[in-house]
Amino acid sequence: MMKLLLNFFIIMIISFVLLFLGVLLSMKMKEDREKLSPFECGFTPKFSARLFFSIRFFLVALIFLIFDVELILIFPFIPALTSSALFTSSILLFLIILILIVGLFHEIMVGSLSWAN
């Protein structure tokens, strides 16, 4: 029991020392203005280093993720379609696909997927 407590305290001391060193080493120095500039090569940039993020790209990525999750939801229905719960699993599968199609149709009607604008 004493050896277990000793090991616990040693682990805690090492953890706190590493945490303290990490915080200490990650602090930025105020005198280091080159590191605070967007580029470290020595010249002033012509444009901003931060570009605006396209919300359309985000929406397309979100729709892609939704269709990936949809595939994970559909995979368990494949064995269920051969079992005795054929009608129930067919209705649930139809509802999942219907909800996704309605959501995709809504995105098309709103114009979120048109890249030409």
PDB file of N, CA and C in Angstrom:
ATOM      1  N   MET A   1       0.829  -1.195   0.000  1.00  0.00           N
ATOM      2  CA  MET A   1       0.000   0.000   0.000  1.00  0.00           C
ATOM      3  C   MET A   1       0.868   1.251   0.000  1.00  0.00           C
ATOM      4  N   MET A   2       1.937   1.213   0.783  1.00  0.00           N
ATOM      5  CA  MET A   2       2.841   2.362   0.867  1.00  0.00           C
ATOM      6  C   MET A   2       3.548   2.589  -0.464  1.00  0.00           C
ATOM      7  N   LYS A   3       3.907   1.493  -1.151  1.00  0.00           N
ATOM      8  CA  LYS A   3       4.576   1.607  -2.442  1.00  0.00           C
ATOM      9  C   LYS A   3       3.625   2.202  -3.486  1.00  0.00           C
ATOM     10  N   LEU A   4       2.350   1.857  -3.406  1.00  0.00           N
ATOM     11  CA  LEU A   4       1.353   2.388  -4.327  1.00  0.00           C
ATOM     12  C   LEU A   4       1.183   3.895  -4.142  1.00  0.00           C
ATOM     13  N   LEU A   5       1.119   4.352  -2.891  1.00  0.00           N
ATOM     14  CA  LEU A   5       1.024   5.789  -2.628  1.00  0.00           C
ATOM     15  C   LEU A   5       2.274   6.537  -3.069  1.00  0.00           C
ATOM     16  N   LEU A   6       3.429   5.934  -2.870  1.00  0.00           N
ATOM     17  CA  LEU A   6       4.681   6.548  -3.293  1.00  0.00           C
ATOM     18  C   LEU A   6       4.713   6.694  -4.815  1.00  0.00           C
ATOM     19  N   ASN A   7       4.302   5.640  -5.529  1.00  0.00           N
ATOM     20  CA  ASN A   7       4.243   5.725  -6.997  1.00  0.00           C
ATOM     21  C   ASN A   7       3.254   6.796  -7.444  1.00  0.00           C
ATOM     22  N   PHE A   8       2.123   6.899  -6.778  1.00  0.00           N
ATOM     23  CA  PHE A   8       1.121   7.908  -7.114  1.00  0.00           C
ATOM     24  C   PHE A   8       1.683   9.310  -6.937  1.00  0.00           C
ATOM     25  N   PHE A   9       2.352   9.567  -5.846  1.00  0.00           N
ATOM     26  CA  PHE A   9       2.920  10.891  -5.602  1.00  0.00           C
ATOM     27  C   PHE A   9       4.046  11.214  -6.580  1.00  0.00           C
ATOM     28  N   ILE A  10       4.850  10.234  -6.937  1.00  0.00           N
ATOM     29  CA  ILE A  10       5.912  10.463  -7.912  1.00  0.00           C
ATOM     30  C   ILE A  10       5.311  10.815  -9.269  1.00  0.00           C
ATOM     31  N   ILE A  11       4.265  10.103  -9.659  1.00  0.00           N
ATOM     32  CA  ILE A  11       3.600  10.387 -10.936  1.00  0.00           C
ATOM     33  C   ILE A  11       2.981  11.776 -10.906  1.00  0.00           C
ATOM     34  N   MET A  12       2.366  12.151  -9.799  1.00  0.00           N
ATOM     35  CA  MET A  12       1.760  13.476  -9.693  1.00  0.00           C
ATOM     36  C   MET A  12       2.822  14.579  -9.758  1.00  0.00           C
ATOM     37  N   ILE A  13       3.951  14.390  -9.103  1.00  0.00           N
ATOM     38  CA  ILE A  13       5.025  15.388  -9.120  1.00  0.00           C
ATOM     39  C   ILE A  13       5.571  15.546 -10.532  1.00  0.00           C
ATOM     40  N   ILE A  14       5.810  14.432 -11.226  1.00  0.00           N
ATOM     41  CA  ILE A  14       6.315  14.493 -12.598  1.00  0.00           C
ATOM     42  C   ILE A  14       5.299  15.189 -13.511  1.00  0.00           C
ATOM     43  N   SER A  15       4.020  14.895 -13.317  1.00  0.00           N
ATOM     44  CA  SER A  15       2.979  15.522 -14.133  1.00  0.00           C
ATOM     45  C   SER A  15       2.940  17.030 -13.920  1.00  0.00           C
ATOM     46  N   PHE A  16       2.997  17.469 -12.672  1.00  0.00           N
ATOM     47  CA  PHE A  16       2.979  18.901 -12.392  1.00  0.00           C
ATOM     48  C   PHE A  16       4.228  19.601 -12.909  1.00  0.00           C
ATOM     49  N   VAL A  17       5.382  18.958 -12.818  1.00  0.00           N
ATOM     50  CA  VAL A  17       6.613  19.556 -13.337  1.00  0.00           C
ATOM     51  C   VAL A  17       6.517  19.704 -14.853  1.00  0.00           C
ATOM     52  N   LEU A  18       6.026  18.667 -15.552  1.00  0.00           N
ATOM     53  CA  LEU A  18       5.889  18.752 -17.002  1.00  0.00           C
ATOM     54  C   LEU A  18       4.850  19.786 -17.412  1.00  0.00           C
ATOM     55  N   LEU A  19       3.772  19.884 -16.666  1.00  0.00           N
ATOM     56  CA  LEU A  19       2.758  20.897 -16.949  1.00  0.00           C
ATOM     57  C   LEU A  19       3.328  22.297 -16.758  1.00  0.00           C
ATOM     58  N   PHE A  20       4.065  22.514 -15.696  1.00  0.00           N
ATOM     59  CA  PHE A  20       4.687  23.805 -15.427  1.00  0.00           C
ATOM     60  C   PHE A  20       5.695  24.158 -16.512  1.00  0.00           C
ATOM     61  N   LEU A  21       6.510  23.181 -16.942  1.00  0.00           N
ATOM     62  CA  LEU A  21       7.493  23.436 -17.997  1.00  0.00           C
ATOM     63  C   LEU A  21       6.803  23.752 -19.326  1.00  0.00           C
ATOM     64  N   GLY A  22       5.716  23.073 -19.616  1.00  0.00           N
ATOM     65  CA  GLY A  22       4.981  23.350 -20.843  1.00  0.00           C
ATOM     66  C   GLY A  22       4.415  24.750 -20.857  1.00  0.00           C
ATOM     67  N   VAL A  23       3.838  25.178 -19.746  1.00  0.00           N
ATOM     68  CA  VAL A  23       3.292  26.540 -19.656  1.00  0.00           C
ATOM     69  C   VAL A  23       4.424  27.562 -19.733  1.00  0.00           C
ATOM     70  N   LEU A  24       5.514  27.294 -19.067  1.00  0.00           N
ATOM     71  CA  LEU A  24       6.637  28.225 -19.050  1.00  0.00           C
ATOM     72  C   LEU A  24       7.271  28.359 -20.428  1.00  0.00           C
ATOM     73  N   LEU A  25       7.437  27.252 -21.140  1.00  0.00           N
ATOM     74  CA  LEU A  25       8.086  27.297 -22.448  1.00  0.00           C
ATOM     75  C   LEU A  25       7.173  27.813 -23.552  1.00  0.00           C
ATOM     76  N   SER A  26       5.870  27.756 -23.354  1.00  0.00           N
ATOM     77  CA  SER A  26       4.954  28.197 -24.403  1.00  0.00           C
ATOM     78  C   SER A  26       4.618  29.678 -24.317  1.00  0.00           C
ATOM     79  N   MET A  27       5.110  30.365 -23.315  1.00  0.00           N
ATOM     80  CA  MET A  27       4.836  31.796 -23.181  1.00  0.00           C
ATOM     81  C   MET A  27       5.580  32.566 -24.272  1.00  0.00           C
ATOM     82  N   LYS A  28       4.900  33.544 -24.882  1.00  0.00           N
ATOM     83  CA  LYS A  28       5.517  34.364 -25.924  1.00  0.00           C
ATOM     84  C   LYS A  28       6.335  35.480 -25.279  1.00  0.00           C
ATOM     85  N   MET A  29       7.455  35.753 -25.892  1.00  0.00           N
ATOM     86  CA  MET A  29       8.286  36.848 -25.437  1.00  0.00           C
ATOM     87  C   MET A  29       7.788  38.156 -26.052  1.00  0.00           C
ATOM     88  N   LYS A  30       7.718  39.223 -25.273  1.00  0.00           N
ATOM     89  CA  LYS A  30       7.219  40.499 -25.762  1.00  0.00           C
ATOM     90  C   LYS A  30       8.214  41.176 -26.705  1.00  0.00           C
ATOM     91  N   GLU A  31       9.492  40.890 -26.566  1.00  0.00           N
ATOM     92  CA  GLU A  31      10.504  41.549 -27.379  1.00  0.00           C
ATOM     93  C   GLU A  31      10.617  40.952 -28.769  1.00  0.00           C
ATOM     94  N   ASP A  32      10.013  39.823 -29.016  1.00  0.00           N
ATOM     95  CA  ASP A  32      10.193  39.104 -30.272  1.00  0.00           C
ATOM     96  C   ASP A  32       9.152  39.550 -31.291  1.00  0.00           C
ATOM     97  N   ARG A  33       9.361  40.708 -31.940  1.00  0.00           N
ATOM     98  CA  ARG A  33       8.367  41.231 -32.877  1.00  0.00           C
ATOM     99  C   ARG A  33       8.381  40.482 -34.197  1.00  0.00           C
ATOM    100  N   GLU A  34       9.487  39.836 -34.566  1.00  0.00           N
ATOM    101  CA  GLU A  34       9.519  39.067 -35.805  1.00  0.00           C
ATOM    102  C   GLU A  34       8.612  37.843 -35.717  1.00  0.00           C
ATOM    103  N   LYS A  35       8.548  37.247 -34.559  1.00  0.00           N
ATOM    104  CA  LYS A  35       7.681  36.096 -34.387  1.00  0.00           C
ATOM    105  C   LYS A  35       6.211  36.482 -34.375  1.00  0.00           C
ATOM    106  N   LEU A  36       5.896  37.721 -34.021  1.00  0.00           N
ATOM    107  CA  LEU A  36       4.517  38.173 -34.005  1.00  0.00           C
ATOM    108  C   LEU A  36       4.026  38.610 -35.379  1.00  0.00           C
ATOM    109  N   SER A  37       4.949  38.802 -36.332  1.00  0.00           N
ATOM    110  CA  SER A  37       4.533  39.196 -37.675  1.00  0.00           C
ATOM    111  C   SER A  37       3.980  37.984 -38.415  1.00  0.00           C
ATOM    112  N   PRO A  38       3.129  38.208 -39.442  1.00  0.00           N
ATOM    113  CA  PRO A  38       2.536  37.086 -40.152  1.00  0.00           C
ATOM    114  C   PRO A  38       3.558  36.217 -40.867  1.00  0.00           C
ATOM    115  N   PHE A  39       4.628  36.826 -41.366  1.00  0.00           N
ATOM    116  CA  PHE A  39       5.680  36.080 -42.044  1.00  0.00           C
ATOM    117  C   PHE A  39       6.993  36.322 -41.324  1.00  0.00           C
ATOM    118  N   GLU A  40       7.809  35.299 -41.220  1.00  0.00           N
ATOM    119  CA  GLU A  40       9.069  35.413 -40.501  1.00  0.00           C
ATOM    120  C   GLU A  40      10.243  35.690 -41.436  1.00  0.00           C
ATOM    121  N   CYS A  41       9.963  36.036 -42.697  1.00  0.00           N
ATOM    122  CA  CYS A  41      11.054  36.204 -43.653  1.00  0.00           C
ATOM    123  C   CYS A  41      11.597  37.630 -43.680  1.00  0.00           C
ATOM    124  N   GLY A  42      10.976  38.560 -42.973  1.00  0.00           N
ATOM    125  CA  GLY A  42      11.553  39.879 -42.845  1.00  0.00           C
ATOM    126  C   GLY A  42      10.877  40.972 -43.640  1.00  0.00           C
ATOM    127  N   PHE A  43       9.951  40.648 -44.535  1.00  0.00           N
ATOM    128  CA  PHE A  43       9.289  41.712 -45.282  1.00  0.00           C
ATOM    129  C   PHE A  43       7.833  41.822 -44.855  1.00  0.00           C
ATOM    130  N   THR A  44       7.272  42.999 -45.090  1.00  0.00           N
ATOM    131  CA  THR A  44       5.877  43.243 -44.758  1.00  0.00           C
ATOM    132  C   THR A  44       5.005  42.676 -45.878  1.00  0.00           C
ATOM    133  N   PRO A  45       3.995  41.895 -45.544  1.00  0.00           N
ATOM    134  CA  PRO A  45       3.170  41.290 -46.598  1.00  0.00           C
ATOM    135  C   PRO A  45       2.288  42.332 -47.287  1.00  0.00           C
ATOM    136  N   LYS A  46       1.954  42.082 -48.568  1.00  0.00           N
ATOM    137  CA  LYS A  46       1.096  42.987 -49.323  1.00  0.00           C
ATOM    138  C   LYS A  46      -0.366  42.817 -48.944  1.00  0.00           C
ATOM    139  N   PHE A  47      -0.758  41.594 -48.638  1.00  0.00           N
ATOM    140  CA  PHE A  47      -2.140  41.310 -48.323  1.00  0.00           C
ATOM    141  C   PHE A  47      -2.241  40.762 -46.901  1.00  0.00           C
ATOM    142  N   SER A  48      -3.453  40.632 -46.417  1.00  0.00           N
ATOM    143  CA  SER A  48      -3.681  40.089 -45.077  1.00  0.00           C
ATOM    144  C   SER A  48      -3.322  38.608 -45.046  1.00  0.00           C
ATOM    145  N   ALA A  49      -2.781  38.173 -43.953  1.00  0.00           N
ATOM    146  CA  ALA A  49      -2.422  36.763 -43.824  1.00  0.00           C
ATOM    147  C   ALA A  49      -3.641  35.893 -43.583  1.00  0.00           C
ATOM    148  N   ARG A  50      -4.727  36.485 -43.164  1.00  0.00           N
ATOM    149  CA  ARG A  50      -5.954  35.736 -42.900  1.00  0.00           C
ATOM    150  C   ARG A  50      -6.935  35.958 -44.036  1.00  0.00           C
ATOM    151  N   LEU A  51      -7.357  34.843 -44.635  1.00  0.00           N
ATOM    152  CA  LEU A  51      -8.332  34.902 -45.711  1.00  0.00           C
ATOM    153  C   LEU A  51      -9.699  34.538 -45.171  1.00  0.00           C
ATOM    154  N   PHE A  52     -10.731  35.092 -45.795  1.00  0.00           N
ATOM    155  CA  PHE A  52     -12.082  34.777 -45.367  1.00  0.00           C
ATOM    156  C   PHE A  52     -12.437  33.359 -45.777  1.00  0.00           C
ATOM    157  N   PHE A  53     -13.173  32.679 -44.920  1.00  0.00           N
ATOM    158  CA  PHE A  53     -13.574  31.302 -45.173  1.00  0.00           C
ATOM    159  C   PHE A  53     -14.911  31.297 -45.899  1.00  0.00           C
ATOM    160  N   SER A  54     -14.982  30.544 -46.990  1.00  0.00           N
ATOM    161  CA  SER A  54     -16.208  30.490 -47.779  1.00  0.00           C
ATOM    162  C   SER A  54     -17.264  29.657 -47.051  1.00  0.00           C
ATOM    163  N   ILE A  55     -18.420  30.256 -46.803  1.00  0.00           N
ATOM    164  CA  ILE A  55     -19.497  29.550 -46.128  1.00  0.00           C
ATOM    165  C   ILE A  55     -20.088  28.482 -47.033  1.00  0.00           C
ATOM    166  N   ARG A  56     -19.989  28.661 -48.334  1.00  0.00           N
ATOM    167  CA  ARG A  56     -20.483  27.634 -49.260  1.00  0.00           C
ATOM    168  C   ARG A  56     -19.661  26.365 -49.150  1.00  0.00           C
ATOM    169  N   PHE A  57     -18.357  26.507 -49.023  1.00  0.00           N
ATOM    170  CA  PHE A  57     -17.517  25.328 -48.835  1.00  0.00           C
ATOM    171  C   PHE A  57     -17.901  24.604 -47.547  1.00  0.00           C
ATOM    172  N   PHE A  58     -18.174  25.367 -46.513  1.00  0.00           N
ATOM    173  CA  PHE A  58     -18.592  24.772 -45.246  1.00  0.00           C
ATOM    174  C   PHE A  58     -19.897  24.005 -45.402  1.00  0.00           C
ATOM    175  N   LEU A  59     -20.878  24.570 -46.137  1.00  0.00           N
ATOM    176  CA  LEU A  59     -22.160  23.891 -46.332  1.00  0.00           C
ATOM    177  C   LEU A  59     -22.010  22.612 -47.138  1.00  0.00           C
ATOM    178  N   VAL A  60     -21.169  22.630 -48.167  1.00  0.00           N
ATOM    179  CA  VAL A  60     -20.950  21.417 -48.953  1.00  0.00           C
ATOM    180  C   VAL A  60     -20.259  20.353 -48.098  1.00  0.00           C
ATOM    181  N   ALA A  61     -19.314  20.757 -47.283  1.00  0.00           N
ATOM    182  CA  ALA A  61     -18.653  19.803 -46.393  1.00  0.00           C
ATOM    183  C   ALA A  61     -19.635  19.233 -45.376  1.00  0.00           C
ATOM    184  N   LEU A  62     -20.539  20.068 -44.885  1.00  0.00           N
ATOM    185  CA  LEU A  62     -21.548  19.613 -43.935  1.00  0.00           C
ATOM    186  C   LEU A  62     -22.513  18.630 -44.589  1.00  0.00           C
ATOM    187  N   ILE A  63     -22.920  18.894 -45.813  1.00  0.00           N
ATOM    188  CA  ILE A  63     -23.799  17.964 -46.530  1.00  0.00           C
ATOM    189  C   ILE A  63     -23.075  16.651 -46.779  1.00  0.00           C
ATOM    190  N   PHE A  64     -21.792  16.708 -47.109  1.00  0.00           N
ATOM    191  CA  PHE A  64     -21.006  15.485 -47.289  1.00  0.00           C
ATOM    192  C   PHE A  64     -20.982  14.663 -46.003  1.00  0.00           C
ATOM    193  N   LEU A  65     -20.780  15.328 -44.865  1.00  0.00           N
ATOM    194  CA  LEU A  65     -20.780  14.608 -43.590  1.00  0.00           C
ATOM    195  C   LEU A  65     -22.144  14.011 -43.272  1.00  0.00           C
ATOM    196  N   ILE A  66     -23.213  14.720 -43.606  1.00  0.00           N
ATOM    197  CA  ILE A  66     -24.555  14.191 -43.356  1.00  0.00           C
ATOM    198  C   ILE A  66     -24.789  12.948 -44.181  1.00  0.00           C
ATOM    199  N   PHE A  67     -24.361  12.934 -45.437  1.00  0.00           N
ATOM    200  CA  PHE A  67     -24.539  11.746 -46.255  1.00  0.00           C
ATOM    201  C   PHE A  67     -23.635  10.599 -45.800  1.00  0.00           C
ATOM    202  N   ASP A  68     -22.493  10.902 -45.209  1.00  0.00           N
ATOM    203  CA  ASP A  68     -21.676   9.833 -44.630  1.00  0.00           C
ATOM    204  C   ASP A  68     -22.366   9.206 -43.423  1.00  0.00           C
ATOM    205  N   VAL A  69     -22.953  10.037 -42.574  1.00  0.00           N
ATOM    206  CA  VAL A  69     -23.681   9.515 -41.411  1.00  0.00           C
ATOM    207  C   VAL A  69     -24.893   8.726 -41.879  1.00  0.00           C
ATOM    208  N   GLU A  70     -25.503   9.180 -42.964  1.00  0.00           N
ATOM    209  CA  GLU A  70     -26.661   8.465 -43.520  1.00  0.00           C
ATOM    210  C   GLU A  70     -26.265   7.056 -43.936  1.00  0.00           C
ATOM    211  N   LEU A  71     -25.096   6.903 -44.488  1.00  0.00           N
ATOM    212  CA  LEU A  71     -24.647   5.556 -44.861  1.00  0.00           C
ATOM    213  C   LEU A  71     -24.475   4.666 -43.637  1.00  0.00           C
ATOM    214  N   ILE A  72     -23.978   5.237 -42.570  1.00  0.00           N
ATOM    215  CA  ILE A  72     -23.814   4.455 -41.341  1.00  0.00           C
ATOM    216  C   ILE A  72     -25.171   4.064 -40.769  1.00  0.00           C
ATOM    217  N   LEU A  73     -26.174   4.928 -40.943  1.00  0.00           N
ATOM    218  CA  LEU A  73     -27.515   4.580 -40.479  1.00  0.00           C
ATOM    219  C   LEU A  73     -28.182   3.529 -41.361  1.00  0.00           C
ATOM    220  N   ILE A  74     -27.831   3.501 -42.639  1.00  0.00           N
ATOM    221  CA  ILE A  74     -28.467   2.551 -43.555  1.00  0.00           C
ATOM    222  C   ILE A  74     -27.840   1.162 -43.455  1.00  0.00           C
ATOM    223  N   PHE A  75     -26.577   1.040 -43.147  1.00  0.00           N
ATOM    224  CA  PHE A  75     -25.917  -0.267 -43.113  1.00  0.00           C
ATOM    225  C   PHE A  75     -26.595  -1.291 -42.198  1.00  0.00           C
ATOM    226  N   PRO A  76     -27.074  -0.937 -41.004  1.00  0.00           N
ATOM    227  CA  PRO A  76     -27.742  -1.961 -40.183  1.00  0.00           C
ATOM    228  C   PRO A  76     -29.069  -2.447 -40.771  1.00  0.00           C
ATOM    229  N   PHE A  77     -29.652  -1.703 -41.679  1.00  0.00           N
ATOM    230  CA  PHE A  77     -30.922  -2.119 -42.264  1.00  0.00           C
ATOM    231  C   PHE A  77     -30.752  -3.237 -43.284  1.00  0.00           C
ATOM    232  N   ILE A  78     -29.566  -3.437 -43.807  1.00  0.00           N
ATOM    233  CA  ILE A  78     -29.357  -4.460 -44.830  1.00  0.00           C
ATOM    234  C   ILE A  78     -29.658  -5.858 -44.290  1.00  0.00           C
ATOM    235  N   PRO A  79     -29.130  -6.261 -43.117  1.00  0.00           N
ATOM    236  CA  PRO A  79     -29.531  -7.581 -42.603  1.00  0.00           C
ATOM    237  C   PRO A  79     -30.990  -7.615 -42.142  1.00  0.00           C
ATOM    238  N   ALA A  80     -31.519  -6.468 -41.720  1.00  0.00           N
ATOM    239  CA  ALA A  80     -32.900  -6.430 -41.239  1.00  0.00           C
ATOM    240  C   ALA A  80     -33.893  -6.619 -42.381  1.00  0.00           C
ATOM    241  N   LEU A  81     -33.494  -6.288 -43.594  1.00  0.00           N
ATOM    242  CA  LEU A  81     -34.401  -6.448 -44.729  1.00  0.00           C
ATOM    243  C   LEU A  81     -34.633  -7.914 -45.071  1.00  0.00           C
ATOM    244  N   THR A  82     -33.743  -8.787 -44.647  1.00  0.00           N
ATOM    245  CA  THR A  82     -33.926 -10.221 -44.904  1.00  0.00           C
ATOM    246  C   THR A  82     -34.604 -10.932 -43.740  1.00  0.00           C
ATOM    247  N   SER A  83     -34.789 -10.251 -42.630  1.00  0.00           N
ATOM    248  CA  SER A  83     -35.377 -10.898 -41.456  1.00  0.00           C
ATOM    249  C   SER A  83     -36.890 -10.733 -41.457  1.00  0.00           C
ATOM    250  N   SER A  84     -37.494 -11.043 -40.335  1.00  0.00           N
ATOM    251  CA  SER A  84     -38.951 -11.003 -40.228  1.00  0.00           C
ATOM    252  C   SER A  84     -39.501  -9.591 -40.099  1.00  0.00           C
ATOM    253  N   ALA A  85     -38.653  -8.603 -39.780  1.00  0.00           N
ATOM    254  CA  ALA A  85     -39.099  -7.221 -39.611  1.00  0.00           C
ATOM    255  C   ALA A  85     -38.949  -6.456 -40.923  1.00  0.00           C
ATOM    256  N   LEU A  86     -39.370  -7.055 -42.016  1.00  0.00           N
ATOM    257  CA  LEU A  86     -39.186  -6.468 -43.334  1.00  0.00           C
ATOM    258  C   LEU A  86     -39.982  -5.174 -43.493  1.00  0.00           C
ATOM    259  N   PHE A  87     -41.218  -5.168 -43.066  1.00  0.00           N
ATOM    260  CA  PHE A  87     -42.072  -3.988 -43.247  1.00  0.00           C
ATOM    261  C   PHE A  87     -41.591  -2.814 -42.396  1.00  0.00           C
ATOM    262  N   THR A  88     -41.265  -3.061 -41.138  1.00  0.00           N
ATOM    263  CA  THR A  88     -40.819  -1.992 -40.237  1.00  0.00           C
ATOM    264  C   THR A  88     -39.493  -1.402 -40.695  1.00  0.00           C
ATOM    265  N   SER A  89     -38.559  -2.255 -41.037  1.00  0.00           N
ATOM    266  CA  SER A  89     -37.253  -1.744 -41.469  1.00  0.00           C
ATOM    267  C   SER A  89     -37.360  -1.032 -42.814  1.00  0.00           C
ATOM    268  N   SER A  90     -38.260  -1.474 -43.686  1.00  0.00           N
ATOM    269  CA  SER A  90     -38.444  -0.787 -44.965  1.00  0.00           C
ATOM    270  C   SER A  90     -39.027   0.606 -44.754  1.00  0.00           C
ATOM    271  N   ILE A  91     -39.986   0.733 -43.838  1.00  0.00           N
ATOM    272  CA  ILE A  91     -40.567   2.048 -43.552  1.00  0.00           C
ATOM    273  C   ILE A  91     -39.516   2.981 -42.945  1.00  0.00           C
ATOM    274  N   LEU A  92     -38.723   2.499 -41.999  1.00  0.00           N
ATOM    275  CA  LEU A  92     -37.691   3.334 -41.384  1.00  0.00           C
ATOM    276  C   LEU A  92     -36.630   3.752 -42.401  1.00  0.00           C
ATOM    277  N   LEU A  93     -36.241   2.826 -43.253  1.00  0.00           N
ATOM    278  CA  LEU A  93     -35.265   3.140 -44.294  1.00  0.00           C
ATOM    279  C   LEU A  93     -35.824   4.183 -45.258  1.00  0.00           C
ATOM    280  N   PHE A  94     -37.084   4.045 -45.624  1.00  0.00           N
ATOM    281  CA  PHE A  94     -37.727   5.015 -46.503  1.00  0.00           C
ATOM    282  C   PHE A  94     -37.792   6.393 -45.841  1.00  0.00           C
ATOM    283  N   LEU A  95     -38.095   6.454 -44.552  1.00  0.00           N
ATOM    284  CA  LEU A  95     -38.167   7.737 -43.851  1.00  0.00           C
ATOM    285  C   LEU A  95     -36.804   8.425 -43.783  1.00  0.00           C
ATOM    286  N   ILE A  96     -35.750   7.661 -43.538  1.00  0.00           N
ATOM    287  CA  ILE A  96     -34.404   8.243 -43.478  1.00  0.00           C
ATOM    288  C   ILE A  96     -34.030   8.835 -44.823  1.00  0.00           C
ATOM    289  N   ILE A  97     -34.265   8.079 -45.885  1.00  0.00           N
ATOM    290  CA  ILE A  97     -33.917   8.567 -47.215  1.00  0.00           C
ATOM    291  C   ILE A  97     -34.802   9.744 -47.610  1.00  0.00           C
ATOM    292  N   LEU A  98     -36.062   9.716 -47.238  1.00  0.00           N
ATOM    293  CA  LEU A  98     -36.973  10.820 -47.546  1.00  0.00           C
ATOM    294  C   LEU A  98     -36.534  12.113 -46.850  1.00  0.00           C
ATOM    295  N   ILE A  99     -36.145  12.021 -45.590  1.00  0.00           N
ATOM    296  CA  ILE A  99     -35.670  13.204 -44.861  1.00  0.00           C
ATOM    297  C   ILE A  99     -34.419  13.776 -45.525  1.00  0.00           C
ATOM    298  N   LEU A 100     -33.506  12.917 -45.960  1.00  0.00           N
ATOM    299  CA  LEU A 100     -32.303  13.396 -46.623  1.00  0.00           C
ATOM    300  C   LEU A 100     -32.605  14.033 -47.975  1.00  0.00           C
ATOM    301  N   ILE A 101     -33.527  13.455 -48.724  1.00  0.00           N
ATOM    302  CA  ILE A 101     -33.875  14.019 -50.021  1.00  0.00           C
ATOM    303  C   ILE A 101     -34.577  15.368 -49.848  1.00  0.00           C
ATOM    304  N   VAL A 102     -35.467  15.470 -48.876  1.00  0.00           N
ATOM    305  CA  VAL A 102     -36.138  16.757 -48.620  1.00  0.00           C
ATOM    306  C   VAL A 102     -35.113  17.810 -48.200  1.00  0.00           C
ATOM    307  N   GLY A 103     -34.150  17.446 -47.351  1.00  0.00           N
ATOM    308  CA  GLY A 103     -33.107  18.391 -46.939  1.00  0.00           C
ATOM    309  C   GLY A 103     -32.230  18.819 -48.104  1.00  0.00           C
ATOM    310  N   LEU A 104     -31.884  17.880 -48.978  1.00  0.00           N
ATOM    311  CA  LEU A 104     -31.080  18.214 -50.153  1.00  0.00           C
ATOM    312  C   LEU A 104     -31.867  19.105 -51.110  1.00  0.00           C
ATOM    313  N   PHE A 105     -33.147  18.819 -51.308  1.00  0.00           N
ATOM    314  CA  PHE A 105     -33.991  19.649 -52.161  1.00  0.00           C
ATOM    315  C   PHE A 105     -34.102  21.073 -51.597  1.00  0.00           C
ATOM    316  N   HIS A 106     -34.207  21.177 -50.279  1.00  0.00           N
ATOM    317  CA  HIS A 106     -34.255  22.501 -49.643  1.00  0.00           C
ATOM    318  C   HIS A 106     -32.952  23.265 -49.886  1.00  0.00           C
ATOM    319  N   GLU A 107     -31.810  22.594 -49.753  1.00  0.00           N
ATOM    320  CA  GLU A 107     -30.518  23.251 -49.990  1.00  0.00           C
ATOM    321  C   GLU A 107     -30.402  23.714 -51.438  1.00  0.00           C
ATOM    322  N   ILE A 108     -30.921  22.932 -52.368  1.00  0.00           N
ATOM    323  CA  ILE A 108     -30.875  23.325 -53.775  1.00  0.00           C
ATOM    324  C   ILE A 108     -31.776  24.530 -54.017  1.00  0.00           C
ATOM    325  N   MET A 109     -32.967  24.528 -53.414  1.00  0.00           N
ATOM    326  CA  MET A 109     -33.904  25.635 -53.619  1.00  0.00           C
ATOM    327  C   MET A 109     -33.399  26.939 -52.982  1.00  0.00           C
ATOM    328  N   VAL A 110     -32.731  26.843 -51.840  1.00  0.00           N
ATOM    329  CA  VAL A 110     -32.172  28.033 -51.195  1.00  0.00           C
ATOM    330  C   VAL A 110     -30.992  28.576 -51.996  1.00  0.00           C
ATOM    331  N   GLY A 111     -30.319  27.715 -52.714  1.00  0.00           N
ATOM    332  CA  GLY A 111     -29.179  28.127 -53.527  1.00  0.00           C
ATOM    333  C   GLY A 111     -27.855  27.950 -52.829  1.00  0.00           C
ATOM    334  N   SER A 112     -27.795  27.152 -51.809  1.00  0.00           N
ATOM    335  CA  SER A 112     -26.551  26.956 -51.081  1.00  0.00           C
ATOM    336  C   SER A 112     -25.527  26.154 -51.875  1.00  0.00           C
ATOM    337  N   LEU A 113     -25.998  25.372 -52.820  1.00  0.00           N
ATOM    338  CA  LEU A 113     -25.091  24.515 -53.556  1.00  0.00           C
ATOM    339  C   LEU A 113     -24.653  25.102 -54.893  1.00  0.00           C
ATOM    340  N   SER A 114     -25.126  26.288 -55.240  1.00  0.00           N
ATOM    341  CA  SER A 114     -24.724  26.885 -56.514  1.00  0.00           C
ATOM    342  C   SER A 114     -23.432  27.675 -56.332  1.00  0.00           C
ATOM    343  N   TRP A 115     -22.407  27.310 -57.071  1.00  0.00           N
ATOM    344  CA  TRP A 115     -21.098  27.936 -56.943  1.00  0.00           C
ATOM    345  C   TRP A 115     -20.913  29.082 -57.926  1.00  0.00           C
ATOM    346  N   ALA A 116     -21.858  29.282 -58.851  1.00  0.00           N
ATOM    347  CA  ALA A 116     -21.683  30.284 -59.896  1.00  0.00           C
ATOM    348  C   ALA A 116     -21.909  31.700 -59.395  1.00  0.00           C
ATOM    349  N   ASN A 117     -22.567  31.898 -58.291  1.00  0.00           N
ATOM    350  CA  ASN A 117     -22.890  33.254 -57.824  1.00  0.00           C
ATOM    351  C   ASN A 117     -21.639  33.956 -57.350  1.00  0.00           C
TER     352      ASN A 117
END
